[in-house]
Amino acid sequence: MSVTTDETYMRRCFQLAANGLGRVRPNPLVGCVVVSGGRVVSEGYHRVYGGFHAERNALLEAPREALAGATLYVNLEPCSHHGLTPPCADLIAECGIGRVVCCNDDPNPLVSGRGFERLRAAGVEVVRHVLEAEGRWLNRRFFTFMEKQRPYVILKWAESADGYMSPASGQPPTGADGRRYWISDDCQTQICHKWRTEEAAILVGSQTFIDDRPRLNARLWSGSDPQPVVLDRRGRLADVPPHWLHLHCETLREVMQTLFDRKIQSLIVEGGRQILDAFLAEGLYDEVRVFRNPSTRYGGGLKAPEAPMNEKPVFYV
């Protein structure tokens, strides 16, 4: 299959947009490329929540004389409303851009087609849905939050080579390091902390809180810590740190609603078997990530969940 020029520049938008992961939530990841006379004259991306959007960053960097009739590539519909920043659609039209190539329509009801309407009204040619599926994957957190009215949920656990989360009581592991319950190796642990910087919140159940006293921060990677959350349905915890979100919800649907109301766009669930099973049973997840340590075997103990082989992605690390 041949790759078109529009697809090439759109993939560059994806690369730029990904630089905002963990920094712009609950806003989407957006990158922008401006092309004039067959060459790139400027690029930009949404760098931080509250800062300029990708289109404005790109246009402010471009030579003004190069913008008349230029093509602007962006992976999400330009905004048409005043939020923390002015409308990007108006600026694009004012700069004399002749053509806008876009990947995804914006599901935000404040935009939702209005950006394209403003551009067309100003005489700008609009091309939509270029690499649409790839764009939705890039912004899967944003689209889930807007369309399903809940956070994007990632289930994460670690398991031994023979499929156990922990050994039987009193039984040591056979791993070379001799650590009893520490399945993940140092590299996997660092990857886990990197993932934490990319998501808005991280959740455990009350038993994990009691047993492990986890910090749930990203101390092994540069970036923002996720909001720690503990689900305490039975009201067993009296010493939850003040910066934690302490939930007493009866159902996972209530948990999702509470997090949505707090504008928490994505969630890692790092709890024990019971809470992981609850999310799996309700189908209330979007992605599974499993650390498997080939050098650790327990031969018995607490079995890890079985990741369903359905349309939802499962990644083994």
C-alpha atoms as a PDB file:
ATOM      1  CA  MET A   1       0.000   0.000   0.000  1.00  0.00           C
ATOM      2  CA  SER A   2       1.414   3.384  -0.994  1.00  0.00           C
ATOM      3  CA  VAL A   3       1.834   6.049   1.675  1.00  0.00           C
ATOM      4  CA  THR A   4       0.436   9.436   0.739  1.00  0.00           C
ATOM      5  CA  THR A   5       2.028  12.767   1.546  1.00  0.00           C
ATOM      6  CA  ASP A   6      -0.867  13.566   3.870  1.00  0.00           C
ATOM      7  CA  GLU A   7      -0.254  10.336   5.794  1.00  0.00           C
ATOM      8  CA  THR A   8       3.452  11.071   6.132  1.00  0.00           C
ATOM      9  CA  TYR A   9       2.857  14.472   7.674  1.00  0.00           C
ATOM     10  CA  MET A  10       0.042  13.142   9.858  1.00  0.00           C
ATOM     11  CA  ARG A  11       2.373  10.545  11.340  1.00  0.00           C
ATOM     12  CA  ARG A  12       4.744  13.372  12.168  1.00  0.00           C
ATOM     13  CA  CYS A  13       1.844  15.020  14.014  1.00  0.00           C
ATOM     14  CA  PHE A  14       1.462  11.816  16.039  1.00  0.00           C
ATOM     15  CA  GLN A  15       5.151  11.872  16.951  1.00  0.00           C
ATOM     16  CA  LEU A  16       4.941  15.473  18.104  1.00  0.00           C
ATOM     17  CA  ALA A  17       1.677  14.943  19.985  1.00  0.00           C
ATOM     18  CA  ALA A  18       3.091  12.035  21.999  1.00  0.00           C
ATOM     19  CA  ASN A  19       5.535  14.448  23.669  1.00  0.00           C
ATOM     20  CA  GLY A  20       2.620  15.777  25.706  1.00  0.00           C
ATOM     21  CA  LEU A  21       1.746  12.427  27.302  1.00  0.00           C
ATOM     22  CA  GLY A  22       1.338  12.892  31.044  1.00  0.00           C
ATOM     23  CA  ARG A  23       1.590  16.688  30.769  1.00  0.00           C
ATOM     24  CA  VAL A  24      -1.599  17.904  29.069  1.00  0.00           C
ATOM     25  CA  ARG A  25      -4.363  15.772  30.635  1.00  0.00           C
ATOM     26  CA  PRO A  26      -7.288  16.005  30.621  1.00  0.00           C
ATOM     27  CA  ASN A  27      -6.676  17.657  27.252  1.00  0.00           C
ATOM     28  CA  PRO A  28      -5.908  15.479  24.208  1.00  0.00           C
ATOM     29  CA  LEU A  29      -2.487  14.895  22.698  1.00  0.00           C
ATOM     30  CA  VAL A  30      -2.139  17.116  19.637  1.00  0.00           C
ATOM     31  CA  GLY A  31       0.670  17.785  17.195  1.00  0.00           C
ATOM     32  CA  CYS A  32       0.779  20.155  14.235  1.00  0.00           C
ATOM     33  CA  VAL A  33       2.906  20.520  11.098  1.00  0.00           C
ATOM     34  CA  VAL A  34       2.757  23.454   8.663  1.00  0.00           C
ATOM     35  CA  VAL A  35       3.893  22.754   5.092  1.00  0.00           C
ATOM     36  CA  SER A  36       4.457  25.383   2.411  1.00  0.00           C
ATOM     37  CA  GLY A  37       5.986  24.912  -1.019  1.00  0.00           C
ATOM     38  CA  GLY A  38       6.606  21.228  -0.329  1.00  0.00           C
ATOM     39  CA  ARG A  39       8.640  21.780   2.835  1.00  0.00           C
ATOM     40  CA  VAL A  40       7.957  21.956   6.542  1.00  0.00           C
ATOM     41  CA  VAL A  41       8.081  25.551   7.748  1.00  0.00           C
ATOM     42  CA  SER A  42       7.114  24.944  11.383  1.00  0.00           C
ATOM     43  CA  GLU A  43       5.970  22.358  13.905  1.00  0.00           C
ATOM     44  CA  GLY A  44       4.324  22.452  17.307  1.00  0.00           C
ATOM     45  CA  TYR A  45       2.532  20.397  19.899  1.00  0.00           C
ATOM     46  CA  HIS A  46       0.430  20.911  22.998  1.00  0.00           C
ATOM     47  CA  ARG A  47       3.122  21.002  25.673  1.00  0.00           C
ATOM     48  CA  VAL A  48       1.331  21.517  28.972  1.00  0.00           C
ATOM     49  CA  TYR A  49      -2.235  21.835  30.238  1.00  0.00           C
ATOM     50  CA  GLY A  50      -3.229  25.499  30.165  1.00  0.00           C
ATOM     51  CA  GLY A  51      -0.571  26.355  27.583  1.00  0.00           C
ATOM     52  CA  PHE A  52      -0.987  27.123  23.891  1.00  0.00           C
ATOM     53  CA  HIS A  53      -2.477  24.420  21.694  1.00  0.00           C
ATOM     54  CA  ALA A  54      -0.426  22.696  19.000  1.00  0.00           C
ATOM     55  CA  GLU A  55      -1.729  24.850  16.134  1.00  0.00           C
ATOM     56  CA  ARG A  56      -0.930  28.114  17.902  1.00  0.00           C
ATOM     57  CA  ASN A  57       2.559  26.920  18.843  1.00  0.00           C
ATOM     58  CA  ALA A  58       3.255  25.936  15.224  1.00  0.00           C
ATOM     59  CA  LEU A  59       1.824  29.085  13.666  1.00  0.00           C
ATOM     60  CA  LEU A  60       3.678  31.409  16.028  1.00  0.00           C
ATOM     61  CA  GLU A  61       6.960  29.738  15.011  1.00  0.00           C
ATOM     62  CA  ALA A  62       6.329  29.981  11.255  1.00  0.00           C
ATOM     63  CA  PRO A  63       7.532  32.836   9.043  1.00  0.00           C
ATOM     64  CA  ARG A  64       4.410  34.899   8.402  1.00  0.00           C
ATOM     65  CA  GLU A  65       5.077  35.129   4.664  1.00  0.00           C
ATOM     66  CA  ALA A  66       5.117  31.320   4.377  1.00  0.00           C
ATOM     67  CA  LEU A  67       1.602  30.827   5.736  1.00  0.00           C
ATOM     68  CA  ALA A  68      -0.534  32.179   2.894  1.00  0.00           C
ATOM     69  CA  GLY A  69      -1.962  29.157   1.095  1.00  0.00           C
ATOM     70  CA  ALA A  70       0.023  26.708   3.235  1.00  0.00           C
ATOM     71  CA  THR A  71      -1.263  23.320   4.411  1.00  0.00           C
ATOM     72  CA  LEU A  72      -1.666  22.751   8.137  1.00  0.00           C
ATOM     73  CA  TYR A  73      -1.684  19.177   9.453  1.00  0.00           C
ATOM     74  CA  VAL A  74      -3.175  18.457  12.867  1.00  0.00           C
ATOM     75  CA  ASN A  75      -4.379  15.211  14.434  1.00  0.00           C
ATOM     76  CA  LEU A  76      -7.478  16.665  16.127  1.00  0.00           C
ATOM     77  CA  GLU A  77     -10.114  19.133  14.979  1.00  0.00           C
ATOM     78  CA  PRO A  78      -8.996  22.709  15.786  1.00  0.00           C
ATOM     79  CA  CYS A  79     -10.915  24.199  18.708  1.00  0.00           C
ATOM     80  CA  SER A  80     -13.551  26.844  18.079  1.00  0.00           C
ATOM     81  CA  HIS A  81     -14.221  28.121  21.605  1.00  0.00           C
ATOM     82  CA  HIS A  82     -12.527  30.289  24.203  1.00  0.00           C
ATOM     83  CA  GLY A  83     -11.147  28.100  26.997  1.00  0.00           C
ATOM     84  CA  LEU A  84      -7.823  28.721  28.683  1.00  0.00           C
ATOM     85  CA  THR A  85      -6.596  29.815  25.233  1.00  0.00           C
ATOM     86  CA  PRO A  86      -8.292  31.504  22.220  1.00  0.00           C
ATOM     87  CA  PRO A  87      -9.843  29.456  19.365  1.00  0.00           C
ATOM     88  CA  CYS A  88      -7.272  27.844  17.087  1.00  0.00           C
ATOM     89  CA  ALA A  89      -9.703  27.758  14.133  1.00  0.00           C
ATOM     90  CA  ASP A  90      -9.846  31.559  14.095  1.00  0.00           C
ATOM     91  CA  LEU A  91      -6.057  31.898  14.162  1.00  0.00           C
ATOM     92  CA  ILE A  92      -5.650  29.396  11.312  1.00  0.00           C
ATOM     93  CA  ALA A  93      -8.050  31.400   9.156  1.00  0.00           C
ATOM     94  CA  GLU A  94      -6.426  34.725  10.089  1.00  0.00           C
ATOM     95  CA  CYS A  95      -2.992  33.419   9.046  1.00  0.00           C
ATOM     96  CA  GLY A  96      -4.215  32.647   5.540  1.00  0.00           C
ATOM     97  CA  ILE A  97      -3.787  28.875   5.709  1.00  0.00           C
ATOM     98  CA  GLY A  98      -5.283  27.401   2.521  1.00  0.00           C
ATOM     99  CA  ARG A  99      -5.776  23.773   3.528  1.00  0.00           C
ATOM    100  CA  VAL A 100      -6.208  21.893   6.806  1.00  0.00           C
ATOM    101  CA  VAL A 101      -5.685  18.124   6.963  1.00  0.00           C
ATOM    102  CA  CYS A 102      -7.052  16.496  10.107  1.00  0.00           C
ATOM    103  CA  CYS A 103      -7.107  13.026  11.592  1.00  0.00           C
ATOM    104  CA  ASN A 104      -9.920  12.951  14.173  1.00  0.00           C
ATOM    105  CA  ASP A 105     -13.074  14.935  14.815  1.00  0.00           C
ATOM    106  CA  ASP A 106     -13.222  16.332  18.347  1.00  0.00           C
ATOM    107  CA  PRO A 107     -15.938  14.610  20.447  1.00  0.00           C
ATOM    108  CA  ASN A 108     -15.954  17.495  22.931  1.00  0.00           C
ATOM    109  CA  PRO A 109     -19.415  19.093  22.573  1.00  0.00           C
ATOM    110  CA  LEU A 110     -17.754  22.514  22.849  1.00  0.00           C
ATOM    111  CA  VAL A 111     -16.046  21.791  19.513  1.00  0.00           C
ATOM    112  CA  SER A 112     -17.663  18.807  17.716  1.00  0.00           C
ATOM    113  CA  GLY A 113     -17.658  20.047  14.112  1.00  0.00           C
ATOM    114  CA  ARG A 114     -17.675  23.763  14.883  1.00  0.00           C
ATOM    115  CA  GLY A 115     -13.958  24.065  14.235  1.00  0.00           C
ATOM    116  CA  PHE A 116     -14.357  22.682  10.737  1.00  0.00           C
ATOM    117  CA  GLU A 117     -17.386  24.915  10.121  1.00  0.00           C
ATOM    118  CA  ARG A 118     -15.368  28.025  10.994  1.00  0.00           C
ATOM    119  CA  LEU A 119     -12.544  26.992   8.696  1.00  0.00           C
ATOM    120  CA  ARG A 120     -14.835  26.284   5.741  1.00  0.00           C
ATOM    121  CA  ALA A 121     -16.672  29.560   6.316  1.00  0.00           C
ATOM    122  CA  ALA A 122     -13.319  31.322   6.002  1.00  0.00           C
ATOM    123  CA  GLY A 123     -12.609  29.588   2.688  1.00  0.00           C
ATOM    124  CA  VAL A 124     -10.159  27.007   4.048  1.00  0.00           C
ATOM    125  CA  GLU A 125     -10.208  23.567   2.411  1.00  0.00           C
ATOM    126  CA  VAL A 126     -10.720  20.851   5.040  1.00  0.00           C
ATOM    127  CA  VAL A 127      -9.644  17.207   4.670  1.00  0.00           C
ATOM    128  CA  ARG A 128     -10.748  14.850   7.462  1.00  0.00           C
ATOM    129  CA  HIS A 129     -10.192  11.293   8.734  1.00  0.00           C
ATOM    130  CA  VAL A 130      -6.586  10.788   7.598  1.00  0.00           C
ATOM    131  CA  LEU A 131      -5.230   7.802   9.610  1.00  0.00           C
ATOM    132  CA  GLU A 132      -8.281   8.025  11.847  1.00  0.00           C
ATOM    133  CA  ALA A 133      -7.791   4.681  13.643  1.00  0.00           C
ATOM    134  CA  GLU A 134      -4.175   5.485  14.518  1.00  0.00           C
ATOM    135  CA  GLY A 135      -5.235   8.850  15.859  1.00  0.00           C
ATOM    136  CA  ARG A 136      -7.893   7.285  18.072  1.00  0.00           C
ATOM    137  CA  TRP A 137      -5.302   4.915  19.539  1.00  0.00           C
ATOM    138  CA  LEU A 138      -2.946   7.798  20.288  1.00  0.00           C
ATOM    139  CA  ASN A 139      -5.756   9.645  22.077  1.00  0.00           C
ATOM    140  CA  ARG A 140      -7.497   6.570  23.476  1.00  0.00           C
ATOM    141  CA  ARG A 141      -7.590   8.101  26.963  1.00  0.00           C
ATOM    142  CA  PHE A 142      -9.278  11.266  25.709  1.00  0.00           C
ATOM    143  CA  PHE A 143     -11.808   9.476  23.503  1.00  0.00           C
ATOM    144  CA  THR A 144     -12.754   6.993  26.239  1.00  0.00           C
ATOM    145  CA  PHE A 145     -13.206   9.803  28.745  1.00  0.00           C
ATOM    146  CA  MET A 146     -15.357  11.878  26.385  1.00  0.00           C
ATOM    147  CA  GLU A 147     -17.397   9.070  24.815  1.00  0.00           C
ATOM    148  CA  LYS A 148     -17.812   6.600  27.689  1.00  0.00           C
ATOM    149  CA  GLN A 149     -17.872   9.174  30.486  1.00  0.00           C
ATOM    150  CA  ARG A 150     -15.242   7.325  32.506  1.00  0.00           C
ATOM    151  CA  PRO A 151     -11.459   7.031  32.725  1.00  0.00           C
ATOM    152  CA  TYR A 152      -9.436   4.831  30.395  1.00  0.00           C
ATOM    153  CA  VAL A 153      -8.653   1.782  32.567  1.00  0.00           C
ATOM    154  CA  ILE A 154      -5.392  -0.177  32.420  1.00  0.00           C
ATOM    155  CA  LEU A 155      -5.172  -3.400  34.443  1.00  0.00           C
ATOM    156  CA  LYS A 156      -1.608  -4.216  35.437  1.00  0.00           C
ATOM    157  CA  TRP A 157      -0.126  -7.125  37.348  1.00  0.00           C
ATOM    158  CA  ALA A 158       3.070  -9.169  37.637  1.00  0.00           C
ATOM    159  CA  GLU A 159       3.236 -12.934  37.460  1.00  0.00           C
ATOM    160  CA  SER A 160       5.856 -15.646  37.739  1.00  0.00           C
ATOM    161  CA  ALA A 161       6.887 -17.748  34.769  1.00  0.00           C
ATOM    162  CA  ASP A 162       4.385 -20.384  35.874  1.00  0.00           C
ATOM    163  CA  GLY A 163       1.516 -17.902  36.251  1.00  0.00           C
ATOM    164  CA  TYR A 164       1.373 -17.036  39.965  1.00  0.00           C
ATOM    165  CA  MET A 165       1.094 -13.622  41.612  1.00  0.00           C
ATOM    166  CA  SER A 166       2.593 -14.870  44.888  1.00  0.00           C
ATOM    167  CA  PRO A 167       3.851 -18.191  46.300  1.00  0.00           C
ATOM    168  CA  ALA A 168       1.977 -20.374  48.745  1.00  0.00           C
ATOM    169  CA  SER A 169       2.234 -19.243  52.360  1.00  0.00           C
ATOM    170  CA  GLY A 170       5.712 -19.899  53.729  1.00  0.00           C
ATOM    171  CA  GLN A 171       7.063 -21.026  50.375  1.00  0.00           C
ATOM    172  CA  PRO A 172      10.057 -19.025  49.072  1.00  0.00           C
ATOM    173  CA  PRO A 173      10.448 -18.353  45.344  1.00  0.00           C
ATOM    174  CA  THR A 174      13.154 -19.953  43.256  1.00  0.00           C
ATOM    175  CA  GLY A 175      14.273 -16.647  41.754  1.00  0.00           C
ATOM    176  CA  ALA A 176      17.982 -15.871  41.865  1.00  0.00           C
ATOM    177  CA  ASP A 177      17.521 -12.710  43.941  1.00  0.00           C
ATOM    178  CA  GLY A 178      15.662 -14.519  46.740  1.00  0.00           C
ATOM    179  CA  ARG A 179      13.030 -11.806  47.139  1.00  0.00           C
ATOM    180  CA  ARG A 180       9.776 -13.353  48.232  1.00  0.00           C
ATOM    181  CA  TYR A 181       7.032 -11.440  46.495  1.00  0.00           C
ATOM    182  CA  TRP A 182       9.003  -9.162  44.178  1.00  0.00           C
ATOM    183  CA  ILE A 183       8.302 -10.670  40.775  1.00  0.00           C
ATOM    184  CA  SER A 184       9.254  -7.739  38.545  1.00  0.00           C
ATOM    185  CA  ASP A 185      12.950  -7.213  37.874  1.00  0.00           C
ATOM    186  CA  ASP A 186      14.613  -3.805  38.103  1.00  0.00           C
ATOM    187  CA  CYS A 187      14.028  -2.971  34.432  1.00  0.00           C
ATOM    188  CA  GLN A 188      10.346  -3.908  34.642  1.00  0.00           C
ATOM    189  CA  THR A 189       9.961  -1.835  37.809  1.00  0.00           C
ATOM    190  CA  GLN A 190      11.395   1.203  36.060  1.00  0.00           C
ATOM    191  CA  ILE A 191       9.019   0.674  33.135  1.00  0.00           C
ATOM    192  CA  CYS A 192       6.149   0.524  35.632  1.00  0.00           C
ATOM    193  CA  HIS A 193       7.173   3.886  37.076  1.00  0.00           C
ATOM    194  CA  LYS A 194       7.382   5.372  33.591  1.00  0.00           C
ATOM    195  CA  TRP A 195       3.816   4.168  32.967  1.00  0.00           C
ATOM    196  CA  ARG A 196       2.717   5.865  36.168  1.00  0.00           C
ATOM    197  CA  THR A 197       3.855   9.250  34.858  1.00  0.00           C
ATOM    198  CA  GLU A 198       1.640   8.739  31.796  1.00  0.00           C
ATOM    199  CA  GLU A 199      -1.642   8.153  33.629  1.00  0.00           C
ATOM    200  CA  ALA A 200      -3.777  10.389  35.820  1.00  0.00           C
ATOM    201  CA  ALA A 201      -4.444   7.993  38.726  1.00  0.00           C
ATOM    202  CA  ILE A 202      -3.510   4.616  40.164  1.00  0.00           C
ATOM    203  CA  LEU A 203      -5.808   2.422  42.260  1.00  0.00           C
ATOM    204  CA  VAL A 204      -5.379  -0.400  44.775  1.00  0.00           C
ATOM    205  CA  GLY A 205      -7.800  -2.144  47.101  1.00  0.00           C
ATOM    206  CA  SER A 206      -7.806  -1.983  50.886  1.00  0.00           C
ATOM    207  CA  GLN A 207      -6.041  -5.346  51.315  1.00  0.00           C
ATOM    208  CA  THR A 208      -3.125  -4.286  49.121  1.00  0.00           C
ATOM    209  CA  PHE A 209      -2.940  -1.052  51.106  1.00  0.00           C
ATOM    210  CA  ILE A 210      -2.809  -3.004  54.389  1.00  0.00           C
ATOM    211  CA  ASP A 211      -0.330  -5.623  53.181  1.00  0.00           C
ATOM    212  CA  ASP A 212       2.081  -3.506  51.152  1.00  0.00           C
ATOM    213  CA  ARG A 213       1.690   0.139  52.233  1.00  0.00           C
ATOM    214  CA  PRO A 214       2.477   1.130  48.631  1.00  0.00           C
ATOM    215  CA  ARG A 215       3.641   4.616  47.730  1.00  0.00           C
ATOM    216  CA  LEU A 216       2.303   4.396  44.157  1.00  0.00           C
ATOM    217  CA  ASN A 217       4.566   7.209  42.956  1.00  0.00           C
ATOM    218  CA  ALA A 218       6.996   7.485  40.046  1.00  0.00           C
ATOM    219  CA  ARG A 219      10.233   7.781  42.019  1.00  0.00           C
ATOM    220  CA  LEU A 220      12.221   5.830  39.401  1.00  0.00           C
ATOM    221  CA  TRP A 221      11.223   8.015  36.429  1.00  0.00           C
ATOM    222  CA  SER A 222      11.055  11.722  35.733  1.00  0.00           C
ATOM    223  CA  GLY A 223       7.489  12.998  35.550  1.00  0.00           C
ATOM    224  CA  SER A 224       4.342  13.662  37.549  1.00  0.00           C
ATOM    225  CA  ASP A 225       3.070  11.184  40.106  1.00  0.00           C
ATOM    226  CA  PRO A 226      -0.410   9.780  39.469  1.00  0.00           C
ATOM    227  CA  GLN A 227      -3.196  10.446  41.955  1.00  0.00           C
ATOM    228  CA  PRO A 228      -3.127   7.490  44.395  1.00  0.00           C
ATOM    229  CA  VAL A 229      -6.558   5.963  45.029  1.00  0.00           C
ATOM    230  CA  VAL A 230      -7.634   3.252  47.455  1.00  0.00           C
ATOM    231  CA  LEU A 231     -10.995   1.506  47.236  1.00  0.00           C
ATOM    232  CA  ASP A 232     -12.127   0.746  50.788  1.00  0.00           C
ATOM    233  CA  ARG A 233     -15.633  -0.653  50.401  1.00  0.00           C
ATOM    234  CA  ARG A 234     -15.792  -2.045  53.934  1.00  0.00           C
ATOM    235  CA  GLY A 235     -14.354   1.030  55.643  1.00  0.00           C
ATOM    236  CA  ARG A 236     -11.344  -0.821  57.042  1.00  0.00           C
ATOM    237  CA  LEU A 237      -8.781   1.950  56.674  1.00  0.00           C
ATOM    238  CA  ALA A 238      -8.277   4.766  59.166  1.00  0.00           C
ATOM    239  CA  ASP A 239      -4.748   5.897  58.244  1.00  0.00           C
ATOM    240  CA  VAL A 240      -4.925   6.785  54.563  1.00  0.00           C
ATOM    241  CA  PRO A 241      -2.526   9.672  53.747  1.00  0.00           C
ATOM    242  CA  PRO A 242      -4.315  12.969  53.058  1.00  0.00           C
ATOM    243  CA  HIS A 243      -3.068  13.227  49.473  1.00  0.00           C
ATOM    244  CA  TRP A 244      -4.712   9.892  48.603  1.00  0.00           C
ATOM    245  CA  LEU A 245      -8.246   9.624  47.269  1.00  0.00           C
ATOM    246  CA  HIS A 246     -10.031   7.359  49.769  1.00  0.00           C
ATOM    247  CA  LEU A 247     -13.141   5.844  48.159  1.00  0.00           C
ATOM    248  CA  HIS A 248     -15.947   3.965  49.917  1.00  0.00           C
ATOM    249  CA  CYS A 249     -17.899   3.206  46.734  1.00  0.00           C
ATOM    250  CA  GLU A 250     -19.990   0.026  46.704  1.00  0.00           C
ATOM    251  CA  THR A 251     -19.576  -0.682  42.980  1.00  0.00           C
ATOM    252  CA  LEU A 252     -16.947  -0.149  40.336  1.00  0.00           C
ATOM    253  CA  ARG A 253     -19.448   1.907  38.356  1.00  0.00           C
ATOM    254  CA  GLU A 254     -19.567   4.310  41.294  1.00  0.00           C
ATOM    255  CA  VAL A 255     -15.772   4.423  41.287  1.00  0.00           C
ATOM    256  CA  MET A 256     -15.780   5.307  37.587  1.00  0.00           C
ATOM    257  CA  GLN A 257     -18.362   8.035  38.098  1.00  0.00           C
ATOM    258  CA  THR A 258     -16.414   9.540  40.988  1.00  0.00           C
ATOM    259  CA  LEU A 259     -13.198   9.616  38.985  1.00  0.00           C
ATOM    260  CA  PHE A 260     -14.979  11.031  35.937  1.00  0.00           C
ATOM    261  CA  ASP A 261     -16.488  13.811  38.064  1.00  0.00           C
ATOM    262  CA  ARG A 262     -12.972  14.647  39.232  1.00  0.00           C
ATOM    263  CA  LYS A 263     -11.811  14.825  35.586  1.00  0.00           C
ATOM    264  CA  ILE A 264      -9.445  11.882  36.052  1.00  0.00           C
ATOM    265  CA  GLN A 265      -8.904  10.760  32.464  1.00  0.00           C
ATOM    266  CA  SER A 266      -7.004   7.496  32.946  1.00  0.00           C
ATOM    267  CA  LEU A 267      -6.453   4.911  35.648  1.00  0.00           C
ATOM    268  CA  ILE A 268      -3.964   2.112  36.325  1.00  0.00           C
ATOM    269  CA  VAL A 269      -5.344  -0.655  38.536  1.00  0.00           C
ATOM    270  CA  GLU A 270      -2.439  -2.240  40.450  1.00  0.00           C
ATOM    271  CA  GLY A 271      -4.425  -4.066  43.092  1.00  0.00           C
ATOM    272  CA  GLY A 272      -4.528  -7.709  44.103  1.00  0.00           C
ATOM    273  CA  ARG A 273      -6.339 -10.621  42.523  1.00  0.00           C
ATOM    274  CA  GLN A 274      -9.747  -9.759  43.983  1.00  0.00           C
ATOM    275  CA  ILE A 275      -9.971  -6.234  42.609  1.00  0.00           C
ATOM    276  CA  LEU A 276      -8.453  -7.234  39.264  1.00  0.00           C
ATOM    277  CA  ASP A 277     -11.051  -9.998  38.954  1.00  0.00           C
ATOM    278  CA  ALA A 278     -13.814  -7.489  39.685  1.00  0.00           C
ATOM    279  CA  PHE A 279     -12.727  -5.210  36.817  1.00  0.00           C
ATOM    280  CA  LEU A 280     -12.315  -8.187  34.483  1.00  0.00           C
ATOM    281  CA  ALA A 281     -15.723  -9.647  35.388  1.00  0.00           C
ATOM    282  CA  GLU A 282     -17.494  -6.383  34.570  1.00  0.00           C
ATOM    283  CA  GLY A 283     -15.456  -5.798  31.420  1.00  0.00           C
ATOM    284  CA  LEU A 284     -14.633  -2.433  32.923  1.00  0.00           C
ATOM    285  CA  TYR A 285     -11.174  -2.043  31.445  1.00  0.00           C
ATOM    286  CA  ASP A 286      -9.563  -1.049  28.157  1.00  0.00           C
ATOM    287  CA  GLU A 287      -6.087  -2.549  28.239  1.00  0.00           C
ATOM    288  CA  VAL A 288      -4.111  -5.215  30.144  1.00  0.00           C
ATOM    289  CA  ARG A 289      -0.376  -5.060  30.866  1.00  0.00           C
ATOM    290  CA  VAL A 290       1.381  -8.040  32.430  1.00  0.00           C
ATOM    291  CA  PHE A 291       4.938  -8.278  33.721  1.00  0.00           C
ATOM    292  CA  ARG A 292       6.136 -11.870  33.459  1.00  0.00           C
ATOM    293  CA  ASN A 293       9.453 -12.839  35.029  1.00  0.00           C
ATOM    294  CA  PRO A 294      10.889 -15.925  33.281  1.00  0.00           C
ATOM    295  CA  SER A 295      13.404 -16.548  36.093  1.00  0.00           C
ATOM    296  CA  THR A 296      10.852 -16.828  38.908  1.00  0.00           C
ATOM    297  CA  ARG A 297       8.739 -19.956  39.459  1.00  0.00           C
ATOM    298  CA  TYR A 298       6.526 -20.589  42.469  1.00  0.00           C
ATOM    299  CA  GLY A 299       5.034 -23.987  41.681  1.00  0.00           C
ATOM    300  CA  GLY A 300       1.885 -23.016  43.563  1.00  0.00           C
ATOM    301  CA  GLY A 301       0.261 -20.154  45.417  1.00  0.00           C
ATOM    302  CA  LEU A 302      -2.051 -17.394  44.227  1.00  0.00           C
ATOM    303  CA  LYS A 303      -2.764 -17.740  40.522  1.00  0.00           C
ATOM    304  CA  ALA A 304      -2.615 -14.627  38.390  1.00  0.00           C
ATOM    305  CA  PRO A 305      -5.757 -13.599  36.502  1.00  0.00           C
ATOM    306  CA  GLU A 306      -6.221 -14.871  32.986  1.00  0.00           C
ATOM    307  CA  ALA A 307      -6.143 -12.013  30.514  1.00  0.00           C
ATOM    308  CA  PRO A 308      -9.146 -12.426  28.193  1.00  0.00           C
ATOM    309  CA  MET A 309      -8.275 -12.866  24.550  1.00  0.00           C
ATOM    310  CA  ASN A 310     -10.861 -10.478  23.108  1.00  0.00           C
ATOM    311  CA  GLU A 311     -10.728  -7.228  21.177  1.00  0.00           C
ATOM    312  CA  LYS A 312      -9.060  -5.420  24.073  1.00  0.00           C
ATOM    313  CA  PRO A 313      -5.254  -5.279  23.865  1.00  0.00           C
ATOM    314  CA  VAL A 314      -3.084  -7.384  26.181  1.00  0.00           C
ATOM    315  CA  PHE A 315       0.647  -6.655  26.474  1.00  0.00           C
ATOM    316  CA  TYR A 316       3.239  -8.922  28.089  1.00  0.00           C
ATOM    317  CA  VAL A 317       6.522  -7.355  29.204  1.00  0.00           C
END
